[in-house]
C-alpha atoms as a PDB file:
ATOM      1  CA  MET A   1      33.187 112.007 166.586  1.00  0.00           C
ATOM      2  CA  ALA A   2      31.765 110.222 163.621  1.00  0.00           C
ATOM      3  CA  ILE A   3      32.807 108.828 160.297  1.00  0.00           C
ATOM      4  CA  ASP A   4      32.118 111.102 157.347  1.00  0.00           C
ATOM      5  CA  GLU A   5      30.787 108.482 154.925  1.00  0.00           C
ATOM      6  CA  GLU A   6      31.017 110.752 151.883  1.00  0.00           C
ATOM      7  CA  LEU A   7      34.658 111.554 152.617  1.00  0.00           C
ATOM      8  CA  ALA A   8      35.394 107.883 153.335  1.00  0.00           C
ATOM      9  CA  GLY A   9      33.849 107.036 149.956  1.00  0.00           C
ATOM     10  CA  HIS A  10      36.158 109.510 148.232  1.00  0.00           C
ATOM     11  CA  VAL A  11      39.164 107.929 149.976  1.00  0.00           C
ATOM     12  CA  ARG A  12      38.017 104.428 148.961  1.00  0.00           C
ATOM     13  CA  ALA A  13      37.679 105.567 145.349  1.00  0.00           C
ATOM     14  CA  ALA A  14      41.143 107.184 145.396  1.00  0.00           C
ATOM     15  CA  LEU A  15      42.649 103.924 146.705  1.00  0.00           C
ATOM     16  CA  ALA A  16      40.581 101.589 144.525  1.00  0.00           C
ATOM     17  CA  ASP A  17      43.559 100.611 142.363  1.00  0.00           C
ATOM     18  CA  ALA A  18      45.865  99.957 145.338  1.00  0.00           C
ATOM     19  CA  SER A  19      46.443  96.467 146.666  1.00  0.00           C
ATOM     20  CA  GLN A  20      46.615  95.569 150.350  1.00  0.00           C
ATOM     21  CA  VAL A  21      44.230  98.291 151.572  1.00  0.00           C
ATOM     22  CA  ARG A  22      42.202  97.766 154.708  1.00  0.00           C
ATOM     23  CA  GLU A  23      40.028  99.975 156.865  1.00  0.00           C
ATOM     24  CA  VAL A  24      40.363 100.334 160.628  1.00  0.00           C
ATOM     25  CA  LYS A  25      38.349 102.425 163.078  1.00  0.00           C
ATOM     26  CA  MET A  26      40.802 104.906 164.604  1.00  0.00           C
ATOM     27  CA  PHE A  27      41.184 108.554 165.641  1.00  0.00           C
ATOM     28  CA  GLY A  28      37.412 108.799 166.066  1.00  0.00           C
ATOM     29  CA  GLY A  29      36.951 108.024 162.394  1.00  0.00           C
ATOM     30  CA  LEU A  30      37.999 105.524 159.766  1.00  0.00           C
ATOM     31  CA  GLY A  31      41.663 104.853 159.057  1.00  0.00           C
ATOM     32  CA  PHE A  32      42.937 103.481 155.767  1.00  0.00           C
ATOM     33  CA  MET A  33      45.980 101.235 155.805  1.00  0.00           C
ATOM     34  CA  LEU A  34      48.133 100.586 152.733  1.00  0.00           C
ATOM     35  CA  LYS A  35      50.482  97.598 153.029  1.00  0.00           C
ATOM     36  CA  GLY A  36      50.085  97.806 156.809  1.00  0.00           C
ATOM     37  CA  HIS A  37      50.885 101.535 157.083  1.00  0.00           C
ATOM     38  CA  MET A  38      48.322 104.224 157.767  1.00  0.00           C
ATOM     39  CA  ILE A  39      47.934 106.392 154.674  1.00  0.00           C
ATOM     40  CA  ALA A  40      44.817 108.385 155.580  1.00  0.00           C
ATOM     41  CA  ALA A  41      41.907 108.712 157.968  1.00  0.00           C
ATOM     42  CA  SER A  42      38.533 110.335 157.528  1.00  0.00           C
ATOM     43  CA  SER A  43      36.164 111.678 160.154  1.00  0.00           C
ATOM     44  CA  ASP A  44      33.772 114.531 160.657  1.00  0.00           C
ATOM     45  CA  ARG A  45      36.878 116.642 161.451  1.00  0.00           C
ATOM     46  CA  GLY A  46      38.231 116.228 157.935  1.00  0.00           C
ATOM     47  CA  LEU A  47      40.939 114.227 156.240  1.00  0.00           C
ATOM     48  CA  LEU A  48      44.210 113.110 157.808  1.00  0.00           C
ATOM     49  CA  VAL A  49      46.946 112.162 155.350  1.00  0.00           C
ATOM     50  CA  ARG A  50      50.381 110.693 155.931  1.00  0.00           C
ATOM     51  CA  VAL A  51      52.779 112.556 153.673  1.00  0.00           C
ATOM     52  CA  GLY A  52      55.998 111.820 155.565  1.00  0.00           C
ATOM     53  CA  GLU A  53      58.425 114.427 156.771  1.00  0.00           C
ATOM     54  CA  PRO A  54      59.893 114.947 153.260  1.00  0.00           C
ATOM     55  CA  GLY A  55      56.453 115.895 151.881  1.00  0.00           C
ATOM     56  CA  GLU A  56      55.235 117.849 154.873  1.00  0.00           C
ATOM     57  CA  ALA A  57      56.266 121.350 153.731  1.00  0.00           C
ATOM     58  CA  GLU A  58      54.684 120.842 150.301  1.00  0.00           C
ATOM     59  CA  ALA A  59      51.477 119.547 151.894  1.00  0.00           C
ATOM     60  CA  LEU A  60      51.243 122.367 154.437  1.00  0.00           C
ATOM     61  CA  ALA A  61      51.532 124.938 151.636  1.00  0.00           C
ATOM     62  CA  LYS A  62      48.216 123.724 150.189  1.00  0.00           C
ATOM     63  CA  PRO A  63      44.930 125.444 151.111  1.00  0.00           C
ATOM     64  CA  GLY A  64      43.109 123.949 154.099  1.00  0.00           C
ATOM     65  CA  ALA A  65      46.137 122.011 155.357  1.00  0.00           C
ATOM     66  CA  GLU A  66      47.473 122.250 158.879  1.00  0.00           C
ATOM     67  CA  PRO A  67      49.812 120.193 161.039  1.00  0.00           C
ATOM     68  CA  MET A  68      48.179 117.237 162.749  1.00  0.00           C
ATOM     69  CA  VAL A  69      48.168 117.801 166.500  1.00  0.00           C
ATOM     70  CA  MET A  70      47.160 115.014 168.864  1.00  0.00           C
ATOM     71  CA  ASN A  71      47.169 115.434 172.634  1.00  0.00           C
ATOM     72  CA  GLY A  72      49.146 118.660 172.277  1.00  0.00           C
ATOM     73  CA  ARG A  73      51.890 117.074 170.171  1.00  0.00           C
ATOM     74  CA  THR A  74      52.452 117.700 166.487  1.00  0.00           C
ATOM     75  CA  MET A  75      52.565 114.448 164.561  1.00  0.00           C
ATOM     76  CA  ARG A  76      55.444 114.884 162.116  1.00  0.00           C
ATOM     77  CA  GLY A  77      54.690 113.670 158.600  1.00  0.00           C
ATOM     78  CA  PHE A  78      50.902 113.900 159.034  1.00  0.00           C
ATOM     79  CA  VAL A  79      48.663 116.704 157.785  1.00  0.00           C
ATOM     80  CA  ARG A  80      45.031 117.429 158.598  1.00  0.00           C
ATOM     81  CA  VAL A  81      42.872 118.874 155.844  1.00  0.00           C
ATOM     82  CA  ALA A  82      39.704 120.606 156.999  1.00  0.00           C
ATOM     83  CA  GLY A  83      36.766 121.884 155.020  1.00  0.00           C
ATOM     84  CA  THR A  84      34.679 120.429 152.245  1.00  0.00           C
ATOM     85  CA  LEU A  85      36.619 117.960 150.142  1.00  0.00           C
ATOM     86  CA  ASP A  86      35.362 116.629 146.838  1.00  0.00           C
ATOM     87  CA  ALA A  87      36.509 113.482 145.056  1.00  0.00           C
ATOM     88  CA  ARG A  88      39.075 115.364 142.984  1.00  0.00           C
ATOM     89  CA  SER A  89      40.752 117.075 145.958  1.00  0.00           C
ATOM     90  CA  VAL A  90      40.809 113.831 147.976  1.00  0.00           C
ATOM     91  CA  GLU A  91      42.421 112.059 145.029  1.00  0.00           C
ATOM     92  CA  SER A  92      45.089 114.777 144.887  1.00  0.00           C
ATOM     93  CA  TRP A  93      45.810 114.419 148.614  1.00  0.00           C
ATOM     94  CA  LEU A  94      45.971 110.639 148.345  1.00  0.00           C
ATOM     95  CA  ARG A  95      48.451 110.832 145.451  1.00  0.00           C
ATOM     96  CA  LEU A  96      50.754 112.856 147.697  1.00  0.00           C
ATOM     97  CA  ALA A  97      50.284 110.391 150.577  1.00  0.00           C
ATOM     98  CA  ARG A  98      50.818 107.338 148.359  1.00  0.00           C
ATOM     99  CA  ALA A  99      54.061 108.827 147.039  1.00  0.00           C
ATOM    100  CA  PHE A 100      55.401 108.548 150.584  1.00  0.00           C
ATOM    101  CA  VAL A 101      53.679 105.425 151.958  1.00  0.00           C
ATOM    102  CA  GLU A 102      54.580 103.311 148.934  1.00  0.00           C
ATOM    103  CA  THR A 103      58.273 103.897 149.736  1.00  0.00           C
ATOM    104  CA  LEU A 104      57.823 102.068 153.060  1.00  0.00           C
ATOM    105  CA  PRO A 105      58.351  98.307 153.266  1.00  0.00           C
ATOM    106  CA  ALA A 106      55.153  96.303 153.598  1.00  0.00           C
ATOM    107  CA  LYS A 107      54.308  95.208 157.125  1.00  0.00           C
ATOM    108  CA  GLU A 108      53.298  91.645 157.774  1.00  0.00           C
ATOM    109  CA  SER A 109      49.626  91.258 158.539  1.00  0.00           C
ATOM    110  CA  GLY A 110      49.072  90.957 162.269  1.00  0.00           C
ATOM    111  CA  ALA A 111      52.751  91.619 163.086  1.00  0.00           C
ATOM    112  CA  ARG A 112      51.875  94.126 165.809  1.00  0.00           C
ATOM    113  CA  SER A 113      49.411  91.832 167.551  1.00  0.00           C
ATOM    114  CA  GLU A 114      51.928  88.958 167.411  1.00  0.00           C
ATOM    115  CA  ARG A 115      54.595  91.157 169.074  1.00  0.00           C
ATOM    116  CA  LYS A 116      52.127  92.152 171.767  1.00  0.00           C
ATOM    117  CA  ARG A 117      51.261  88.530 172.526  1.00  0.00           C
ATOM    118  CA  ALA A 118      54.926  87.518 172.620  1.00  0.00           C
ATOM    119  CA  GLY A 119      55.652  90.264 175.167  1.00  0.00           C
ATOM    120  CA  ARG A 120      53.013  89.065 177.631  1.00  0.00           C
END
């Protein structure tokens, strides 16, 4: 799988006003982290957005949306959006995702890697 650069550009533009955003290669594409939490990912398979369980029903009612399934398991709170996505539709999806992710407490940078090292 590959990164869809046009889609990634739309995600970057939709998150341009957010602080603490970083990009990470994941899920065969490019993941976008907001305050240490994954908010979205883009790849040639489409857009993955984290809407949280409270926003899942609303998200799944939108055209092109389907539950995110990984290794046969449905990932609760995540929605995959397939098809052609323009800047406006990506911005709409990211507004929904930000509404959830911004309710989460910020994670410390590198906290996961520090826990891993401590457990060795």
